[in-house]
Structures are given as C-alpha cells and as structure tokens.
Amino acid sequence: YADDFFAAIGHSPDSLVQLVRACLPEFTFKMDADEIEVALPRWENNGSVKNTRADVSTQDIRQILTDLFVWE
C-alpha cells in the first residue's frame, strides 16, 4: 500500500519527510536514552500503536524515538 501511496502523490518517503520538515517550525525537543526508556511503556500500550497494520516491537519504538529525539 505504501508504494501505491507514494506513487500517487509523486514523492518518495524521503522527499515527503523533507517536504513536511520544510513546512514545520524548527524542532528543538530532545530526549536522552534514559528518558526514552521511561517513555517506552506509554508507547507500547498506546492504542494507535496497537492498531497499526504492522507488528511494532519495543525495539521499533525505541529506534523511532531515538531517531526523532536524540541528536548532538
């Protein structure tokens, strides 16, 4: 489904992310590894995560949070 979606809108996943980022204000929220571990249970039990079509593991959530909120 995702490939069809991106083809229909004429963007790759990366170009869509770049477009969205260009439209948003600068993001300054940060988390460290300990804060991510504290936040994980909230995401694991989140209805939106449970209702996704894919199986989302704790490691998947940890990686997403790390990619979004941990930087130097």
PDB file of N, CA and C in Angstrom:
ATOM      1  N   TYR A   1       0.804  -1.200   0.000  1.00  0.00           N
ATOM      2  CA  TYR A   1       0.000   0.000   0.000  1.00  0.00           C
ATOM      3  C   TYR A   1       0.848   1.265   0.000  1.00  0.00           C
ATOM      4  N   ALA A   2       1.918   1.240   0.733  1.00  0.00           N
ATOM      5  CA  ALA A   2       2.757   2.434   0.841  1.00  0.00           C
ATOM      6  C   ALA A   2       3.332   2.820  -0.514  1.00  0.00           C
ATOM      7  N   ASP A   3       3.803   1.849  -1.280  1.00  0.00           N
ATOM      8  CA  ASP A   3       4.363   2.156  -2.600  1.00  0.00           C
ATOM      9  C   ASP A   3       3.320   2.824  -3.484  1.00  0.00           C
ATOM     10  N   ASP A   4       2.080   2.336  -3.444  1.00  0.00           N
ATOM     11  CA  ASP A   4       0.998   2.938  -4.224  1.00  0.00           C
ATOM     12  C   ASP A   4       0.728   4.372  -3.781  1.00  0.00           C
ATOM     13  N   PHE A   5       0.746   4.587  -2.477  1.00  0.00           N
ATOM     14  CA  PHE A   5       0.513   5.923  -1.935  1.00  0.00           C
ATOM     15  C   PHE A   5       1.578   6.895  -2.430  1.00  0.00           C
ATOM     16  N   PHE A   6       2.852   6.512  -2.281  1.00  0.00           N
ATOM     17  CA  PHE A   6       3.926   7.413  -2.687  1.00  0.00           C
ATOM     18  C   PHE A   6       3.917   7.654  -4.193  1.00  0.00           C
ATOM     19  N   ALA A   7       3.591   6.639  -4.964  1.00  0.00           N
ATOM     20  CA  ALA A   7       3.481   6.816  -6.410  1.00  0.00           C
ATOM     21  C   ALA A   7       2.349   7.786  -6.743  1.00  0.00           C
ATOM     22  N   ALA A   8       1.230   7.676  -6.040  1.00  0.00           N
ATOM     23  CA  ALA A   8       0.073   8.522  -6.311  1.00  0.00           C
ATOM     24  C   ALA A   8       0.343   9.989  -6.001  1.00  0.00           C
ATOM     25  N   ILE A   9       1.136  10.247  -4.953  1.00  0.00           N
ATOM     26  CA  ILE A   9       1.417  11.640  -4.603  1.00  0.00           C
ATOM     27  C   ILE A   9       2.695  12.156  -5.255  1.00  0.00           C
ATOM     28  N   GLY A  10       3.411  11.275  -5.947  1.00  0.00           N
ATOM     29  CA  GLY A  10       4.601  11.702  -6.671  1.00  0.00           C
ATOM     30  C   GLY A  10       5.795  12.023  -5.801  1.00  0.00           C
ATOM     31  N   HIS A  11       5.880  11.362  -4.660  1.00  0.00           N
ATOM     32  CA  HIS A  11       7.011  11.579  -3.752  1.00  0.00           C
ATOM     33  C   HIS A  11       7.530  10.243  -3.246  1.00  0.00           C
ATOM     34  N   SER A  12       8.813  10.212  -2.939  1.00  0.00           N
ATOM     35  CA  SER A  12       9.380   9.068  -2.229  1.00  0.00           C
ATOM     36  C   SER A  12       9.173   9.325  -0.732  1.00  0.00           C
ATOM     37  N   PRO A  13       9.337   8.300   0.096  1.00  0.00           N
ATOM     38  CA  PRO A  13       9.220   8.548   1.546  1.00  0.00           C
ATOM     39  C   PRO A  13      10.175   9.650   2.014  1.00  0.00           C
ATOM     40  N   ASP A  14      11.417   9.620   1.544  1.00  0.00           N
ATOM     41  CA  ASP A  14      12.389  10.625   1.980  1.00  0.00           C
ATOM     42  C   ASP A  14      12.009  12.029   1.529  1.00  0.00           C
ATOM     43  N   SER A  15      11.544  12.161   0.283  1.00  0.00           N
ATOM     44  CA  SER A  15      11.187  13.502  -0.194  1.00  0.00           C
ATOM     45  C   SER A  15       9.949  14.030   0.534  1.00  0.00           C
ATOM     46  N   LEU A  16       9.040  13.142   0.898  1.00  0.00           N
ATOM     47  CA  LEU A  16       7.866  13.574   1.653  1.00  0.00           C
ATOM     48  C   LEU A  16       8.272  14.046   3.046  1.00  0.00           C
ATOM     49  N   VAL A  17       9.181  13.327   3.684  1.00  0.00           N
ATOM     50  CA  VAL A  17       9.668  13.746   5.002  1.00  0.00           C
ATOM     51  C   VAL A  17      10.343  15.111   4.888  1.00  0.00           C
ATOM     52  N   GLN A  18      11.160  15.316   3.873  1.00  0.00           N
ATOM     53  CA  GLN A  18      11.827  16.614   3.682  1.00  0.00           C
ATOM     54  C   GLN A  18      10.811  17.730   3.472  1.00  0.00           C
ATOM     55  N   LEU A  19       9.770  17.451   2.699  1.00  0.00           N
ATOM     56  CA  LEU A  19       8.723  18.441   2.455  1.00  0.00           C
ATOM     57  C   LEU A  19       7.999  18.805   3.750  1.00  0.00           C
ATOM     58  N   VAL A  20       7.639  17.805   4.533  1.00  0.00           N
ATOM     59  CA  VAL A  20       6.952  18.064   5.802  1.00  0.00           C
ATOM     60  C   VAL A  20       7.860  18.850   6.736  1.00  0.00           C
ATOM     61  N   ARG A  21       9.111  18.465   6.824  1.00  0.00           N
ATOM     62  CA  ARG A  21      10.048  19.188   7.704  1.00  0.00           C
ATOM     63  C   ARG A  21      10.194  20.642   7.276  1.00  0.00           C
ATOM     64  N   ALA A  22      10.203  20.901   5.971  1.00  0.00           N
ATOM     65  CA  ALA A  22      10.333  22.268   5.475  1.00  0.00           C
ATOM     66  C   ALA A  22       9.121  23.121   5.854  1.00  0.00           C
ATOM     67  N   CYS A  23       7.983  22.497   6.062  1.00  0.00           N
ATOM     68  CA  CYS A  23       6.746  23.223   6.391  1.00  0.00           C
ATOM     69  C   CYS A  23       6.559  23.427   7.889  1.00  0.00           C
ATOM     70  N   LEU A  24       7.335  22.756   8.694  1.00  0.00           N
ATOM     71  CA  LEU A  24       7.182  22.832  10.143  1.00  0.00           C
ATOM     72  C   LEU A  24       8.203  23.782  10.754  1.00  0.00           C
ATOM     73  N   PRO A  25       7.866  24.373  11.888  1.00  0.00           N
ATOM     74  CA  PRO A  25       8.862  25.200  12.564  1.00  0.00           C
ATOM     75  C   PRO A  25      10.014  24.331  13.056  1.00  0.00           C
ATOM     76  N   GLU A  26      11.142  24.976  13.336  1.00  0.00           N
ATOM     77  CA  GLU A  26      12.300  24.228  13.816  1.00  0.00           C
ATOM     78  C   GLU A  26      11.942  23.485  15.098  1.00  0.00           C
ATOM     79  N   PHE A  27      12.380  22.257  15.166  1.00  0.00           N
ATOM     80  CA  PHE A  27      12.038  21.371  16.273  1.00  0.00           C
ATOM     81  C   PHE A  27      13.222  21.286  17.217  1.00  0.00           C
ATOM     82  N   THR A  28      13.002  21.565  18.495  1.00  0.00           N
ATOM     83  CA  THR A  28      14.117  21.591  19.437  1.00  0.00           C
ATOM     84  C   THR A  28      13.969  20.616  20.602  1.00  0.00           C
ATOM     85  N   PHE A  29      12.931  19.792  20.584  1.00  0.00           N
ATOM     86  CA  PHE A  29      12.724  18.845  21.677  1.00  0.00           C
ATOM     87  C   PHE A  29      13.751  17.735  21.610  1.00  0.00           C
ATOM     88  N   LYS A  30      14.377  17.424  22.731  1.00  0.00           N
ATOM     89  CA  LYS A  30      15.378  16.365  22.802  1.00  0.00           C
ATOM     90  C   LYS A  30      15.045  15.397  23.927  1.00  0.00           C
ATOM     91  N   MET A  31      15.500  14.168  23.777  1.00  0.00           N
ATOM     92  CA  MET A  31      15.416  13.160  24.829  1.00  0.00           C
ATOM     93  C   MET A  31      16.764  12.450  24.890  1.00  0.00           C
ATOM     94  N   ASP A  32      17.106  11.950  26.068  1.00  0.00           N
ATOM     95  CA  ASP A  32      18.289  11.097  26.141  1.00  0.00           C
ATOM     96  C   ASP A  32      17.811   9.647  26.274  1.00  0.00           C
ATOM     97  N   ALA A  33      18.737   8.719  26.280  1.00  0.00           N
ATOM     98  CA  ALA A  33      18.398   7.290  26.296  1.00  0.00           C
ATOM     99  C   ALA A  33      17.565   6.921  27.525  1.00  0.00           C
ATOM    100  N   ASP A  34      17.877   7.506  28.674  1.00  0.00           N
ATOM    101  CA  ASP A  34      17.107   7.209  29.890  1.00  0.00           C
ATOM    102  C   ASP A  34      15.664   7.697  29.772  1.00  0.00           C
ATOM    103  N   GLU A  35      15.467   8.870  29.210  1.00  0.00           N
ATOM    104  CA  GLU A  35      14.115   9.407  29.036  1.00  0.00           C
ATOM    105  C   GLU A  35      13.310   8.555  28.051  1.00  0.00           C
ATOM    106  N   ILE A  36      13.978   8.045  27.036  1.00  0.00           N
ATOM    107  CA  ILE A  36      13.297   7.160  26.087  1.00  0.00           C
ATOM    108  C   ILE A  36      12.835   5.891  26.791  1.00  0.00           C
ATOM    109  N   GLU A  37      13.672   5.320  27.634  1.00  0.00           N
ATOM    110  CA  GLU A  37      13.287   4.106  28.366  1.00  0.00           C
ATOM    111  C   GLU A  37      12.074   4.362  29.260  1.00  0.00           C
ATOM    112  N   VAL A  38      12.003   5.545  29.851  1.00  0.00           N
ATOM    113  CA  VAL A  38      10.854   5.896  30.692  1.00  0.00           C
ATOM    114  C   VAL A  38       9.602   6.040  29.823  1.00  0.00           C
ATOM    115  N   ALA A  39       9.739   6.572  28.614  1.00  0.00           N
ATOM    116  CA  ALA A  39       8.597   6.809  27.724  1.00  0.00           C
ATOM    117  C   ALA A  39       8.095   5.538  27.027  1.00  0.00           C
ATOM    118  N   LEU A  40       8.932   4.532  26.885  1.00  0.00           N
ATOM    119  CA  LEU A  40       8.557   3.333  26.132  1.00  0.00           C
ATOM    120  C   LEU A  40       7.235   2.690  26.571  1.00  0.00           C
ATOM    121  N   PRO A  41       6.989   2.501  27.863  1.00  0.00           N
ATOM    122  CA  PRO A  41       5.721   1.859  28.246  1.00  0.00           C
ATOM    123  C   PRO A  41       4.487   2.624  27.764  1.00  0.00           C
ATOM    124  N   ARG A  42       4.584   3.946  27.718  1.00  0.00           N
ATOM    125  CA  ARG A  42       3.446   4.739  27.235  1.00  0.00           C
ATOM    126  C   ARG A  42       3.162   4.453  25.767  1.00  0.00           C
ATOM    127  N   TRP A  43       4.206   4.261  24.987  1.00  0.00           N
ATOM    128  CA  TRP A  43       4.043   3.983  23.559  1.00  0.00           C
ATOM    129  C   TRP A  43       3.638   2.545  23.318  1.00  0.00           C
ATOM    130  N   GLU A  44       4.159   1.626  24.111  1.00  0.00           N
ATOM    131  CA  GLU A  44       3.830   0.210  23.927  1.00  0.00           C
ATOM    132  C   GLU A  44       2.338  -0.051  24.131  1.00  0.00           C
ATOM    133  N   ASN A  45       1.734   0.685  25.028  1.00  0.00           N
ATOM    134  CA  ASN A  45       0.333   0.482  25.348  1.00  0.00           C
ATOM    135  C   ASN A  45      -0.594   1.476  24.645  1.00  0.00           C
ATOM    136  N   ASN A  46      -0.039   2.247  23.731  1.00  0.00           N
ATOM    137  CA  ASN A  46      -0.804   3.258  23.012  1.00  0.00           C
ATOM    138  C   ASN A  46      -1.736   2.603  21.998  1.00  0.00           C
ATOM    139  N   GLY A  47      -2.987   3.018  21.987  1.00  0.00           N
ATOM    140  CA  GLY A  47      -3.967   2.449  21.068  1.00  0.00           C
ATOM    141  C   GLY A  47      -3.589   2.611  19.613  1.00  0.00           C
ATOM    142  N   SER A  48      -2.981   3.735  19.253  1.00  0.00           N
ATOM    143  CA  SER A  48      -2.578   3.946  17.863  1.00  0.00           C
ATOM    144  C   SER A  48      -1.517   2.940  17.439  1.00  0.00           C
ATOM    145  N   VAL A  49      -0.591   2.651  18.319  1.00  0.00           N
ATOM    146  CA  VAL A  49       0.452   1.676  18.012  1.00  0.00           C
ATOM    147  C   VAL A  49      -0.157   0.275  17.916  1.00  0.00           C
ATOM    148  N   LYS A  50      -1.039  -0.053  18.844  1.00  0.00           N
ATOM    149  CA  LYS A  50      -1.663  -1.378  18.843  1.00  0.00           C
ATOM    150  C   LYS A  50      -2.521  -1.599  17.605  1.00  0.00           C
ATOM    151  N   ASN A  51      -3.076  -0.532  17.043  1.00  0.00           N
ATOM    152  CA  ASN A  51      -3.978  -0.656  15.907  1.00  0.00           C
ATOM    153  C   ASN A  51      -3.299  -0.531  14.554  1.00  0.00           C
ATOM    154  N   THR A  52      -1.976  -0.466  14.514  1.00  0.00           N
ATOM    155  CA  THR A  52      -1.298  -0.402  13.222  1.00  0.00           C
ATOM    156  C   THR A  52      -1.396  -1.748  12.529  1.00  0.00           C
ATOM    157  N   ARG A  53      -1.228  -1.727  11.227  1.00  0.00           N
ATOM    158  CA  ARG A  53      -1.329  -2.961  10.454  1.00  0.00           C
ATOM    159  C   ARG A  53      -0.087  -3.832  10.620  1.00  0.00           C
ATOM    160  N   ALA A  54       1.011  -3.244  11.029  1.00  0.00           N
ATOM    161  CA  ALA A  54       2.261  -3.985  11.200  1.00  0.00           C
ATOM    162  C   ALA A  54       2.474  -4.303  12.674  1.00  0.00           C
ATOM    163  N   ASP A  55       3.274  -5.310  12.931  1.00  0.00           N
ATOM    164  CA  ASP A  55       3.685  -5.594  14.301  1.00  0.00           C
ATOM    165  C   ASP A  55       4.768  -4.590  14.670  1.00  0.00           C
ATOM    166  N   VAL A  56       4.555  -3.864  15.748  1.00  0.00           N
ATOM    167  CA  VAL A  56       5.515  -2.858  16.189  1.00  0.00           C
ATOM    168  C   VAL A  56       6.094  -3.323  17.514  1.00  0.00           C
ATOM    169  N   SER A  57       7.381  -3.581  17.515  1.00  0.00           N
ATOM    170  CA  SER A  57       8.042  -4.087  18.717  1.00  0.00           C
ATOM    171  C   SER A  57       8.548  -2.934  19.582  1.00  0.00           C
ATOM    172  N   THR A  58       8.912  -3.269  20.797  1.00  0.00           N
ATOM    173  CA  THR A  58       9.528  -2.285  21.683  1.00  0.00           C
ATOM    174  C   THR A  58      10.789  -1.723  21.044  1.00  0.00           C
ATOM    175  N   GLN A  59      11.564  -2.567  20.393  1.00  0.00           N
ATOM    176  CA  GLN A  59      12.786  -2.086  19.732  1.00  0.00           C
ATOM    177  C   GLN A  59      12.449  -1.110  18.613  1.00  0.00           C
ATOM    178  N   ASP A  60      11.373  -1.379  17.869  1.00  0.00           N
ATOM    179  CA  ASP A  60      10.948  -0.446  16.816  1.00  0.00           C
ATOM    180  C   ASP A  60      10.629   0.926  17.408  1.00  0.00           C
ATOM    181  N   ILE A  61       9.877   0.919  18.499  1.00  0.00           N
ATOM    182  CA  ILE A  61       9.505   2.179  19.143  1.00  0.00           C
ATOM    183  C   ILE A  61      10.743   2.890  19.674  1.00  0.00           C
ATOM    184  N   ARG A  62      11.636   2.141  20.303  1.00  0.00           N
ATOM    185  CA  ARG A  62      12.885   2.719  20.823  1.00  0.00           C
ATOM    186  C   ARG A  62      13.666   3.378  19.681  1.00  0.00           C
ATOM    187  N   GLN A  63      13.757   2.708  18.538  1.00  0.00           N
ATOM    188  CA  GLN A  63      14.516   3.242  17.403  1.00  0.00           C
ATOM    189  C   GLN A  63      13.847   4.502  16.848  1.00  0.00           C
ATOM    190  N   ILE A  64      12.532   4.495  16.745  1.00  0.00           N
ATOM    191  CA  ILE A  64      11.809   5.672  16.246  1.00  0.00           C
ATOM    192  C   ILE A  64      12.047   6.867  17.168  1.00  0.00           C
ATOM    193  N   LEU A  65      11.899   6.659  18.479  1.00  0.00           N
ATOM    194  CA  LEU A  65      12.120   7.748  19.426  1.00  0.00           C
ATOM    195  C   LEU A  65      13.562   8.237  19.380  1.00  0.00           C
ATOM    196  N   THR A  66      14.503   7.324  19.261  1.00  0.00           N
ATOM    197  CA  THR A  66      15.907   7.705  19.174  1.00  0.00           C
ATOM    198  C   THR A  66      16.168   8.512  17.902  1.00  0.00           C
ATOM    199  N   ASP A  67      15.647   8.053  16.780  1.00  0.00           N
ATOM    200  CA  ASP A  67      15.844   8.772  15.517  1.00  0.00           C
ATOM    201  C   ASP A  67      15.245  10.171  15.570  1.00  0.00           C
ATOM    202  N   LEU A  68      14.122  10.312  16.235  1.00  0.00           N
ATOM    203  CA  LEU A  68      13.444  11.612  16.276  1.00  0.00           C
ATOM    204  C   LEU A  68      14.017  12.575  17.298  1.00  0.00           C
ATOM    205  N   PHE A  69      14.392  12.074  18.466  1.00  0.00           N
ATOM    206  CA  PHE A  69      14.645  12.973  19.581  1.00  0.00           C
ATOM    207  C   PHE A  69      16.064  12.979  20.148  1.00  0.00           C
ATOM    208  N   VAL A  70      16.949  12.116  19.679  1.00  0.00           N
ATOM    209  CA  VAL A  70      18.313  12.105  20.202  1.00  0.00           C
ATOM    210  C   VAL A  70      19.254  12.615  19.127  1.00  0.00           C
ATOM    211  N   TRP A  71      19.907  13.698  19.408  1.00  0.00           N
ATOM    212  CA  TRP A  71      20.923  14.206  18.497  1.00  0.00           C
ATOM    213  C   TRP A  71      21.932  15.010  19.308  1.00  0.00           C
ATOM    214  N   GLU A  72      23.045  15.259  18.692  1.00  0.00           N
ATOM    215  CA  GLU A  72      24.100  16.005  19.407  1.00  0.00           C
ATOM    216  C   GLU A  72      24.131  17.441  19.004  1.00  0.00           C
TER     217      GLU A  72
END
